[in-house]
Structure formats: C-alpha cells, structure tokens
Protein backbone atom coordinates (compact mmCIF):
# COMPACT_ATOMS: atom_id res chain seq x y z
CA MET A 1 112.83 100.90 74.62
CA VAL A 2 110.50 100.91 77.34
CA SER A 3 108.46 98.25 78.20
CA ASN A 4 104.41 98.33 77.89
CA ASP A 5 104.06 98.09 81.73
CA ASP A 6 106.53 100.91 82.13
CA ALA A 7 105.20 103.07 79.73
CA THR A 8 101.90 102.85 81.30
CA THR A 9 103.25 103.76 84.40
CA GLY A 10 105.06 106.47 83.27
CA VAL A 11 101.85 108.06 81.50
CA ARG A 12 100.05 107.92 84.55
CA VAL A 13 102.69 109.56 86.68
CA THR A 14 103.18 112.05 84.25
CA HIS A 15 99.38 113.06 84.20
CA GLN A 16 99.25 113.33 87.89
CA MET A 17 102.10 115.31 88.06
CA LEU A 18 100.69 117.78 85.44
CA PHE A 19 97.20 117.86 86.29
CA ASN A 20 97.66 117.20 89.92
CA THR A 21 94.80 114.55 90.40
CA ASP A 22 94.04 111.63 92.08
CA GLN A 23 92.18 108.63 90.90
CA VAL A 24 88.78 108.36 92.13
CA ILE A 25 87.36 104.95 92.91
CA GLU A 26 83.81 104.99 94.38
CA VAL A 27 82.77 101.78 96.25
CA PHE A 28 79.37 100.79 97.50
CA VAL A 29 79.61 97.61 99.72
CA ILE A 30 76.71 95.15 100.16
CA GLY A 31 76.64 93.42 103.68
CA VAL A 32 79.07 94.11 106.34
CA GLY A 33 79.39 90.63 107.64
CA GLY A 34 82.56 88.86 107.17
CA VAL A 35 83.72 89.66 103.43
CA GLY A 36 82.04 93.11 103.65
CA GLY A 37 83.20 93.99 106.67
CA ALA A 38 86.70 92.66 105.98
CA LEU A 39 86.81 94.84 103.10
CA LEU A 40 85.45 97.86 105.12
CA GLU A 41 88.67 97.28 107.47
CA GLN A 42 91.20 96.59 104.88
CA ILE A 43 89.84 100.13 103.27
CA LYS A 44 90.64 102.09 106.44
CA ARG A 45 93.68 100.68 107.25
CA GLN A 46 95.37 101.24 103.60
CA GLN A 47 94.03 104.86 103.37
CA GLY A 48 97.61 106.19 103.78
CA TRP A 49 99.18 103.87 101.28
CA LEU A 50 96.29 104.63 98.90
CA LYS A 51 96.70 108.41 99.43
CA ASN A 52 100.56 107.88 98.38
CA LYS A 53 99.57 106.35 95.34
CA HIS A 54 97.07 109.26 94.33
CA ILE A 55 93.90 106.86 94.82
CA ASP A 56 90.87 108.66 96.53
CA LEU A 57 88.92 105.33 97.57
CA ARG A 58 85.77 106.60 98.48
CA VAL A 59 82.83 104.31 100.40
CA CYS A 60 79.78 105.90 98.88
CA GLY A 61 77.40 103.61 100.76
CA VAL A 62 76.89 100.63 102.73
CA ALA A 63 73.68 98.50 102.69
CA ILE A 64 72.95 96.09 105.67
CA LEU A 65 70.80 92.98 104.64
CA ARG A 66 68.65 91.42 107.16
CA ARG A 67 67.10 88.54 106.64
CA CYS A 68 63.26 88.00 107.51
C-alpha cells in the first residue's frame, strides 16, 4: 500500500519525468517594503532550490505604492 501523500508525490514526479514540465507559478507583488521586499529576496535566494524541484516561479510584476 502507498500512502495518499506518497501517491500524490509519485504521480507528480512521474508526470514531470514523462512530460519534462515544470510547475509554473506566476507572482505579482504589491509593495516592496518590509514584507514585499523580504518576499522578493527569498524568491531570489531560493531559485536554485525551486529549479531542483521543477518549480518555475516567475515574478510577473511589482507595484510600488506611494501615499499622497
């Protein structure tokens, strides 16, 4: 028997190997202050790890908010 979590992982890995596809995640960041800036830095630092996991995380846009 295979656990549900292992089955899900097995299907995902098999699909990636057969079709050689990456999971694409598109991100749009609103604000680059404390939280947004930290998120962008983390994405930058994690690119190698994400690539090894076949995850193509794309920052599609960044909005800078200014208060009047």
